[in-house]
Amino acid sequence: MPTEPEDPLEPYYYNHVPEIIGGIDVPSITEEWVENYPSVVDRFFTRYYYIKESPEPAPYQVLFHSNRVCLICLAPEHPAIKDGIKSFTFDIGNTDRSKNTVKGKGKKGGMVLQHDSTLAILTSEQNKAYKIPSCVQSKLVEVNTAWVEAPKQLETAGEGEGYVAIVLPKPEDCENIKRSLLTQAQYKEKWTAIQMNAAQKLANESNVAKTEQKSAQTEQKSAPVEKQNE
């Protein structure tokens, strides 16, 4: 009868050894395991959102750290994630954000950004181009060039891991920036309203098209038939 091969890692597995320190029984570290332990984002960042207004609005997430560092990401509801991402570039035409360089703790030399400055250009599988905004008036620290070579991986990247860029606002601007962005609750409410309006607009356009088609068919049926002279 075949036997299971020995596990070469077995000697390294954790085995609790009972120990008493100061008269107190030291518990096993495995007893402190928390299944739903907060993620890094939950522990160290505050979620904010920015919706770029356009005929086809696109939402972006700003993860605001307590040390002012902000991660600029696609919001989970971004249309390109659903459609699929075809390409990604930091060459925005007049400059290449990937050429950004900073020095020292003050991040000197970083590109200066306004809230609507373009960080990168993303193209979906539907050939729709999205200009990703910086969302925050700040200084560019670095960009995530991994998406240039592997844009499809951005579709499944975890929260925070899928950052497009890291930016650093001035200390005196932080409170105003936070007020200009949407909180999680505000974003949910606004994005739901945008989706409902888009669905209603699509339904209205469909009804108009059906009405015009029906009217054209009616006119065609009621048109007089010309008799040819024998």
Protein backbone atom coordinates (compact mmCIF):
# COMPACT_ATOMS: atom_id res chain seq x y z
CA MET A 1 0.00 0.00 0.00
CA PRO A 2 1.53 3.34 -1.04
CA THR A 3 2.48 5.67 1.76
CA GLU A 4 2.30 9.44 1.69
CA PRO A 5 5.71 11.10 1.24
CA GLU A 6 7.18 12.80 4.26
CA ASP A 7 6.67 16.57 4.43
CA PRO A 8 10.17 18.15 4.24
CA LEU A 9 8.84 21.26 5.99
CA GLU A 10 7.40 19.42 8.98
CA PRO A 11 10.39 20.22 11.25
CA TYR A 12 9.67 23.92 10.70
CA TYR A 13 6.00 23.87 11.62
CA TYR A 14 5.05 25.75 14.76
CA ASN A 15 4.48 23.58 17.83
CA HIS A 16 3.37 25.30 20.99
CA VAL A 17 5.49 24.55 24.03
CA PRO A 18 3.72 25.25 27.36
CA GLU A 19 5.52 28.01 29.21
CA ILE A 20 4.83 29.95 32.39
CA ILE A 21 6.30 33.42 32.88
CA GLY A 22 5.72 35.29 36.09
CA GLY A 23 3.17 32.73 37.14
CA ILE A 24 1.11 33.28 33.96
CA ASP A 25 0.62 30.60 31.32
CA VAL A 26 1.79 32.02 27.99
CA PRO A 27 -0.92 31.37 25.35
CA SER A 28 -0.16 29.96 21.93
CA ILE A 29 0.30 32.56 19.22
CA THR A 30 -2.22 30.67 17.09
CA GLU A 31 -4.94 31.50 19.63
CA GLU A 32 -4.62 35.16 18.68
CA TRP A 33 -5.44 34.55 15.01
CA VAL A 34 -8.17 36.93 13.83
CA GLU A 35 -9.88 35.76 10.65
CA ASN A 36 -11.25 39.18 9.64
CA TYR A 37 -8.21 41.19 10.64
CA PRO A 38 -8.34 44.69 9.06
CA SER A 39 -6.37 45.11 5.87
CA VAL A 40 -3.45 47.53 5.48
CA VAL A 41 -5.82 49.99 3.81
CA ASP A 42 -8.33 49.72 6.66
CA ARG A 43 -5.61 50.28 9.27
CA PHE A 44 -3.55 53.08 7.76
CA PHE A 45 -5.54 54.84 5.04
CA THR A 46 -8.78 56.76 4.65
CA ARG A 47 -10.73 56.13 1.46
CA TYR A 48 -11.74 59.14 -0.64
CA TYR A 49 -13.07 59.30 -4.18
CA TYR A 50 -13.00 61.58 -7.19
CA ILE A 51 -15.39 61.33 -10.13
CA LYS A 52 -14.16 62.85 -13.37
CA GLU A 53 -17.14 64.56 -14.94
CA SER A 54 -17.60 63.77 -18.62
CA PRO A 55 -20.26 62.30 -20.94
CA GLU A 56 -19.07 58.95 -19.54
CA PRO A 57 -18.03 59.62 -15.91
CA ALA A 58 -15.20 57.54 -14.44
CA PRO A 59 -14.48 57.18 -10.70
CA TYR A 60 -11.09 57.15 -8.99
CA GLN A 61 -10.02 56.25 -5.47
CA VAL A 62 -7.65 58.28 -3.31
CA LEU A 63 -6.13 56.39 -0.38
CA PHE A 64 -5.08 59.10 2.07
CA HIS A 65 -2.41 58.06 4.59
CA SER A 66 -1.99 59.82 7.93
CA ASN A 67 1.49 60.94 6.79
CA ARG A 68 -0.08 62.84 3.81
CA VAL A 69 1.02 60.31 1.20
CA CYS A 70 -1.83 59.55 -1.23
CA LEU A 71 -2.23 56.55 -3.51
CA ILE A 72 -4.18 57.31 -6.68
CA CYS A 73 -6.13 54.26 -7.90
CA LEU A 74 -8.98 53.28 -10.16
CA ALA A 75 -12.20 52.91 -8.18
CA PRO A 76 -13.61 49.34 -8.29
CA GLU A 77 -16.52 50.64 -10.39
CA HIS A 78 -14.30 52.18 -13.08
CA PRO A 79 -15.75 51.24 -16.52
CA ALA A 80 -12.36 50.04 -17.82
CA ILE A 81 -12.18 47.31 -15.18
CA LYS A 82 -15.46 45.88 -16.45
CA ASP A 83 -14.62 46.34 -20.15
CA GLY A 84 -11.04 45.12 -19.80
CA ILE A 85 -7.80 47.10 -20.01
CA LYS A 86 -5.99 47.04 -23.32
CA SER A 87 -3.07 49.40 -22.76
CA PHE A 88 -1.60 51.81 -20.24
CA THR A 89 0.93 54.62 -20.65
CA PHE A 90 2.38 57.46 -18.62
CA ASP A 91 3.33 59.31 -21.81
CA ILE A 92 0.52 61.86 -21.91
CA GLY A 93 1.75 63.67 -25.01
CA ASN A 94 3.51 66.75 -23.68
CA THR A 95 5.37 64.88 -20.96
CA ASP A 96 6.14 61.38 -19.70
CA ARG A 97 5.19 60.95 -16.03
CA SER A 98 7.47 57.92 -15.74
CA LYS A 99 10.45 60.28 -16.12
CA ASN A 100 9.55 61.95 -12.81
CA THR A 101 12.41 62.04 -10.29
CA VAL A 102 12.50 63.20 -6.67
CA LYS A 103 15.29 63.67 -4.15
CA GLY A 104 15.49 63.61 -0.38
CA LYS A 105 12.85 63.46 2.32
CA GLY A 106 11.15 66.54 0.93
CA LYS A 107 10.70 64.80 -2.45
CA LYS A 108 12.27 67.75 -4.22
CA GLY A 109 12.01 67.89 -7.98
CA GLY A 110 8.71 66.06 -8.29
CA MET A 111 6.28 67.21 -10.97
CA VAL A 112 3.68 69.65 -9.67
CA LEU A 113 0.11 68.46 -10.17
CA GLN A 114 -3.29 70.12 -10.08
CA HIS A 115 -6.32 68.01 -9.16
CA ASP A 116 -7.23 67.59 -12.84
CA SER A 117 -3.70 67.01 -14.18
CA THR A 118 -3.41 63.85 -16.28
CA LEU A 119 -1.24 61.15 -14.73
CA ALA A 120 -1.66 58.45 -17.35
CA ILE A 121 -3.80 57.33 -20.26
CA LEU A 122 -5.64 54.03 -20.08
CA THR A 123 -7.29 52.42 -23.10
CA SER A 124 -10.00 49.81 -22.61
CA GLU A 125 -10.73 46.77 -24.76
CA GLN A 126 -13.57 48.85 -26.21
CA ASN A 127 -10.92 51.34 -27.41
CA LYS A 128 -12.16 54.01 -25.01
CA ALA A 129 -9.38 56.23 -23.72
CA TYR A 130 -9.44 57.42 -20.11
CA LYS A 131 -7.19 60.22 -18.90
CA ILE A 132 -6.46 59.33 -15.30
CA PRO A 133 -6.46 62.52 -13.19
CA SER A 134 -4.19 63.16 -10.23
CA CYS A 135 -7.35 63.93 -8.18
CA VAL A 136 -5.22 65.85 -5.67
CA GLN A 137 -3.27 69.11 -5.89
CA SER A 138 0.13 67.75 -5.01
CA LYS A 139 3.65 66.75 -6.01
CA LEU A 140 4.26 63.53 -7.91
CA VAL A 141 6.44 61.10 -5.95
CA GLU A 142 6.38 58.05 -8.21
CA VAL A 143 4.27 56.15 -10.74
CA ASN A 144 3.59 52.43 -10.96
CA THR A 145 5.23 51.46 -14.25
CA ALA A 146 4.21 47.80 -13.78
CA TRP A 147 0.92 48.54 -15.55
CA VAL A 148 2.69 49.64 -18.74
CA GLU A 149 4.07 46.14 -19.32
CA ALA A 150 1.13 44.22 -17.82
CA PRO A 151 -2.03 46.36 -18.04
CA LYS A 152 -4.37 43.37 -17.67
CA GLN A 153 -3.08 42.74 -14.15
CA LEU A 154 -4.54 46.06 -13.06
CA GLU A 155 -8.02 44.55 -13.46
CA THR A 156 -7.46 42.10 -10.59
CA ALA A 157 -4.99 44.02 -8.41
CA GLY A 158 -5.94 44.22 -4.74
CA GLU A 159 -6.98 47.44 -3.07
CA GLY A 160 -3.93 49.65 -2.68
CA GLU A 161 -1.75 47.32 -4.76
CA GLY A 162 -3.35 48.67 -7.93
CA TYR A 163 -2.17 52.23 -7.36
CA VAL A 164 -1.38 54.29 -10.44
CA ALA A 165 0.75 56.88 -8.67
CA ILE A 166 1.91 58.12 -5.29
CA VAL A 167 1.48 61.84 -4.69
CA LEU A 168 2.24 64.15 -1.77
CA PRO A 169 0.11 67.24 -1.05
CA LYS A 170 1.35 70.17 1.01
CA PRO A 171 0.51 70.00 4.74
CA GLU A 172 -1.51 73.21 4.58
CA ASP A 173 -3.63 71.89 1.69
CA CYS A 174 -4.65 68.53 3.19
CA GLU A 175 -7.89 69.57 4.91
CA ASN A 176 -9.16 71.47 1.85
CA ILE A 177 -8.27 68.52 -0.37
CA LYS A 178 -10.18 66.10 1.84
CA ARG A 179 -13.23 68.37 1.75
CA SER A 180 -13.05 68.53 -2.06
CA LEU A 181 -13.11 64.73 -2.37
CA LEU A 182 -16.00 62.36 -1.73
CA THR A 183 -16.17 60.20 1.37
CA GLN A 184 -17.13 56.54 1.02
CA ALA A 185 -20.81 57.30 1.79
CA GLN A 186 -20.93 60.36 -0.49
CA TYR A 187 -19.30 58.43 -3.31
CA LYS A 188 -21.73 55.54 -3.02
CA GLU A 189 -24.69 57.90 -3.13
CA LYS A 190 -23.37 59.96 -6.05
CA TRP A 191 -22.20 57.01 -8.15
CA THR A 192 -25.56 55.26 -7.66
CA ALA A 193 -27.33 58.40 -8.87
CA ILE A 194 -25.03 58.64 -11.90
CA GLN A 195 -25.70 55.02 -12.81
CA MET A 196 -29.47 55.48 -12.44
CA ASN A 197 -29.40 58.60 -14.62
CA ALA A 198 -27.35 56.77 -17.27
CA ALA A 199 -29.79 53.85 -17.26
CA GLN A 200 -32.76 56.24 -17.56
CA LYS A 201 -31.09 58.10 -20.42
CA LEU A 202 -30.44 54.82 -22.24
CA ALA A 203 -34.07 53.75 -21.73
CA ASN A 204 -35.35 57.09 -23.05
CA GLU A 205 -33.13 56.86 -26.13
CA SER A 206 -34.38 53.33 -26.74
CA ASN A 207 -38.01 54.44 -26.44
CA VAL A 208 -37.43 57.33 -28.84
CA ALA A 209 -35.83 54.98 -31.38
CA LYS A 210 -38.75 52.55 -31.10
CA THR A 211 -41.27 55.39 -31.52
CA GLU A 212 -39.48 56.71 -34.61
CA GLN A 213 -39.28 53.22 -36.09
CA LYS A 214 -42.98 52.61 -35.45
CA SER A 215 -43.89 56.00 -36.94
CA ALA A 216 -41.83 55.24 -40.05
CA GLN A 217 -43.56 51.87 -40.48
CA THR A 218 -47.00 53.50 -40.10
CA GLU A 219 -46.19 56.14 -42.72
CA GLN A 220 -44.96 53.46 -45.08
CA LYS A 221 -48.18 51.46 -44.74
CA SER A 222 -50.43 54.50 -45.20
CA ALA A 223 -48.59 55.84 -48.21
CA PRO A 224 -50.85 55.85 -51.40
CA VAL A 225 -50.11 53.18 -53.97
CA GLU A 226 -49.45 54.64 -57.40
CA LYS A 227 -51.20 52.77 -60.17
CA GLN A 228 -49.38 52.40 -63.40
CA ASN A 229 -51.24 53.37 -66.61
CA GLU A 230 -51.92 50.45 -68.86
